[in-house]
C-alpha cells in the first residue's frame, strides 16, 4: 500500500471511520506475521502475536503520528509484543524446569532443505531479540536503515553498526554449525 493511500485511510479512521482499519490490517498483516514468525520461531505464537499487534494498534491509534511511516509504527508494536512473548516464554520455561524433569526430545526425519531452514532459524533465535529485529527488518522486510533507526530511537549509524555485527554473528553461527557437522563426518569416516 502506498504512503498516500495509507495516510488517507489514517485520516478517515481518526475522523471516526473505524471500519477502515480493516484495510490497514489487510495491507500489513502478512508482513507483520512474517516478522513475528521469524522473531518467535513458532507458527502459533506468531499468529497470536500478530493478532495482538493489530488489536493494540487499533486501541492506540490516536498515538500514531501522521506523516510518519505507518508500517514502522506497527513494527514497533510488533517488536514490543514479541519481546513480551519471549520474556513470558523464558519465565515459563524456568518454572517448568523447576517442577518437571525433561526427557530428551526425539529428532524427527526432515528433508535436507527443511534442515537448512531449521539451522538458519536456530541461528536467528540465538541472536538477541533487538539484533534479530534489525536483521529481520533489513533483510526479510527490506526496510531502510532510517526507518529501523526511527523505530528503535537510535541513530542511523548505530543501527547500521548493529546490523553489521548481527549479520556477522549470524554468519558465524551458521559457519560453526557447518564446522561441527564436518568434524563429526570426518570422525565417523576414520
Protein backbone atom coordinates (compact mmCIF):
# COMPACT_ATOMS: atom_id res chain seq x y z
CA UNK A 1 0.00 0.00 0.00
CA UNK A 2 1.38 3.39 -0.90
CA UNK A 3 2.05 6.04 1.74
CA UNK A 4 -0.56 8.44 0.30
CA UNK A 5 -3.27 5.76 0.45
CA UNK A 6 -2.23 4.84 3.99
CA UNK A 7 -2.43 8.50 5.07
CA UNK A 8 -5.90 8.82 3.53
CA UNK A 9 -7.12 5.78 5.47
CA UNK A 10 -5.46 7.02 8.68
CA UNK A 11 -7.29 10.35 8.40
CA UNK A 12 -10.59 8.56 7.83
CA UNK A 13 -10.04 6.42 10.92
CA UNK A 14 -9.13 9.42 13.04
CA UNK A 15 -12.35 11.08 11.87
CA UNK A 16 -14.34 8.11 13.21
CA UNK A 17 -14.42 5.60 10.34
CA UNK A 18 -13.13 2.65 12.37
CA UNK A 19 -14.21 0.20 9.65
CA UNK A 20 -11.31 1.43 7.50
CA UNK A 21 -8.83 -0.06 9.96
CA UNK A 22 -9.52 -3.40 8.31
CA UNK A 23 -7.88 -2.10 5.14
CA UNK A 24 -4.70 -1.36 7.06
CA UNK A 25 -4.81 -4.80 8.68
CA UNK A 26 -5.23 -6.38 5.26
CA UNK A 27 -2.31 -4.39 3.83
CA UNK A 28 0.16 -5.11 6.65
CA UNK A 29 -0.96 -8.45 8.09
CA UNK A 30 1.35 -10.71 6.07
CA UNK A 31 4.42 -8.54 6.72
CA UNK A 32 3.77 -8.38 10.45
CA UNK A 33 3.03 -12.11 10.64
CA UNK A 34 6.23 -12.97 8.77
CA UNK A 35 8.21 -10.70 11.09
CA UNK A 36 6.64 -12.24 14.22
CA UNK A 37 7.28 -15.76 12.94
CA UNK A 38 10.96 -15.02 12.42
CA UNK A 39 11.24 -13.33 15.81
CA UNK A 40 9.48 -16.11 17.72
CA UNK A 41 10.23 -19.17 15.61
CA UNK A 42 6.79 -20.73 16.12
CA UNK A 43 3.74 -20.52 13.89
CA UNK A 44 1.01 -20.46 16.56
CA UNK A 45 2.78 -17.85 18.67
CA UNK A 46 3.36 -15.69 15.58
CA UNK A 47 -0.34 -15.85 14.72
CA UNK A 48 -1.32 -14.89 18.26
CA UNK A 49 1.14 -12.02 18.47
CA UNK A 50 0.15 -10.73 15.01
CA UNK A 51 -3.44 -10.54 16.17
CA UNK A 52 -2.35 -8.75 19.36
CA UNK A 53 -0.34 -6.24 17.32
CA UNK A 54 -3.38 -5.17 15.30
CA UNK A 55 -5.64 -5.06 18.36
CA UNK A 56 -3.13 -2.87 20.21
CA UNK A 57 -2.63 -0.78 17.09
CA UNK A 58 -6.36 -0.09 16.99
CA UNK A 59 -6.51 0.65 20.72
CA UNK A 60 -3.56 3.05 20.48
CA UNK A 61 -4.39 4.50 17.10
CA UNK A 62 -4.54 8.04 18.46
CA UNK A 63 -0.85 7.74 19.38
CA UNK A 64 0.14 7.27 15.74
CA UNK A 65 1.69 10.48 14.40
CA UNK A 66 0.52 11.28 10.91
CA UNK A 67 3.30 11.84 8.43
CA UNK A 68 5.46 9.04 9.79
CA UNK A 69 5.61 5.62 8.15
CA UNK A 70 2.64 3.59 9.41
CA UNK A 71 4.45 0.29 8.83
CA UNK A 72 7.30 1.41 11.09
CA UNK A 73 4.78 2.19 13.83
CA UNK A 74 3.27 -1.32 13.51
CA UNK A 75 6.71 -2.94 13.54
CA UNK A 76 7.48 -1.07 16.75
CA UNK A 77 4.36 -2.55 18.34
CA UNK A 78 5.23 -5.99 16.94
CA UNK A 79 8.76 -5.77 18.31
CA UNK A 80 7.49 -4.99 21.81
CA UNK A 81 4.86 -7.73 21.65
CA UNK A 82 7.46 -10.28 20.51
CA UNK A 83 9.79 -9.24 23.32
CA UNK A 84 6.98 -9.65 25.84
CA UNK A 85 6.15 -13.10 24.42
CA UNK A 86 9.81 -14.16 24.58
CA UNK A 87 10.11 -12.96 28.19
CA UNK A 88 6.94 -14.83 29.19
CA UNK A 89 8.21 -17.98 27.44
CA UNK A 90 11.55 -17.77 29.24
CA UNK A 91 9.82 -17.36 32.60
CA UNK A 92 7.52 -20.29 31.79
CA UNK A 93 10.49 -22.49 30.83
CA UNK A 94 12.22 -21.70 34.13
CA UNK A 95 9.10 -22.66 36.07
CA UNK A 96 8.70 -25.89 34.13
CA UNK A 97 12.35 -26.83 34.77
CA UNK A 98 11.79 -26.34 38.48
CA UNK A 99 8.89 -28.77 38.59
CA UNK A 100 9.47 -31.25 35.78
CA UNK A 101 12.49 -33.18 34.61
CA UNK A 102 12.52 -33.06 30.87
CA UNK A 103 13.22 -36.10 28.74
CA UNK A 104 15.39 -35.72 25.65
CA UNK A 105 13.41 -34.94 22.53
CA UNK A 106 13.36 -37.40 19.65
CA UNK A 107 14.66 -35.99 16.41
CA UNK A 108 12.24 -36.24 13.52
CA UNK A 109 13.21 -37.11 9.97
CA UNK A 110 13.44 -33.97 7.88
CA UNK A 111 14.16 -33.21 4.28
CA UNK A 112 17.60 -31.65 3.68
CA UNK A 113 16.13 -28.28 2.68
CA UNK A 114 13.96 -28.21 5.82
CA UNK A 115 17.08 -28.96 7.88
CA UNK A 116 18.85 -25.95 6.40
CA UNK A 117 15.87 -23.75 7.23
CA UNK A 118 15.86 -25.15 10.75
CA UNK A 119 19.58 -24.35 11.12
CA UNK A 120 19.03 -20.80 9.91
CA UNK A 121 16.04 -20.39 12.22
CA UNK A 122 18.08 -21.70 15.17
CA UNK A 123 20.95 -19.34 14.33
CA UNK A 124 18.46 -16.45 14.19
CA UNK A 125 16.95 -17.44 17.52
CA UNK A 126 20.43 -17.39 19.11
CA UNK A 127 20.70 -13.66 18.32
CA UNK A 128 19.38 -11.31 20.98
CA UNK A 129 15.88 -10.01 20.17
CA UNK A 130 16.99 -6.49 19.23
CA UNK A 131 19.61 -7.77 16.76
CA UNK A 132 17.08 -10.26 15.38
CA UNK A 133 14.65 -7.37 14.96
CA UNK A 134 17.20 -5.37 12.96
CA UNK A 135 18.17 -8.35 10.76
CA UNK A 136 14.54 -9.21 10.02
CA UNK A 137 13.50 -5.68 9.19
CA UNK A 138 16.52 -5.08 6.98
CA UNK A 139 16.83 -8.42 5.16
CA UNK A 140 13.38 -10.03 5.23
CA UNK A 141 11.18 -6.94 5.21
CA UNK A 142 13.68 -4.80 3.24
CA UNK A 143 13.19 -1.74 5.45
CA UNK A 144 15.53 1.20 5.15
CA UNK A 145 18.04 1.86 7.93
CA UNK A 146 16.36 5.22 8.51
CA UNK A 147 13.01 3.52 9.27
CA UNK A 148 14.64 0.99 11.60
CA UNK A 149 16.52 3.79 13.39
CA UNK A 150 13.23 5.65 13.90
CA UNK A 151 11.55 2.55 15.35
CA UNK A 152 14.36 1.88 17.81
CA UNK A 153 15.02 5.52 18.66
CA UNK A 154 18.63 5.08 17.57
CA UNK A 155 20.86 6.94 15.15
CA UNK A 156 21.27 5.70 11.59
CA UNK A 157 24.96 4.94 12.27
CA UNK A 158 24.17 2.93 15.41
CA UNK A 159 21.58 0.82 13.59
CA UNK A 160 23.95 0.25 10.69
CA UNK A 161 26.74 -0.86 13.04
CA UNK A 162 24.42 -3.21 14.99
CA UNK A 163 23.15 -4.65 11.72
CA UNK A 164 26.69 -5.42 10.53
CA UNK A 165 27.60 -7.03 13.86
CA UNK A 166 24.40 -9.07 14.00
CA UNK A 167 24.87 -10.22 10.42
CA UNK A 168 28.43 -11.31 11.24
CA UNK A 169 27.21 -13.22 14.35
CA UNK A 170 24.52 -14.90 12.25
CA UNK A 171 27.07 -15.97 9.62
CA UNK A 172 29.46 -17.19 12.33
CA UNK A 173 26.65 -19.17 13.96
CA UNK A 174 25.90 -20.91 10.68
CA UNK A 175 29.61 -21.48 9.94
CA UNK A 176 30.15 -23.04 13.38
CA UNK A 177 27.23 -25.38 12.77
CA UNK A 178 28.71 -26.43 9.39
CA UNK A 179 32.12 -26.88 11.03
CA UNK A 180 30.63 -29.16 13.69
CA UNK A 181 28.93 -31.36 11.09
CA UNK A 182 32.17 -31.54 9.04
CA UNK A 183 34.14 -32.63 12.12
CA UNK A 184 31.52 -35.25 13.01
CA UNK A 185 31.58 -36.56 9.45
CA UNK A 186 35.40 -36.82 9.47
CA UNK A 187 35.48 -38.62 12.81
CA UNK A 188 32.91 -41.12 11.58
CA UNK A 189 34.78 -41.83 8.35
CA UNK A 190 38.02 -42.92 10.11
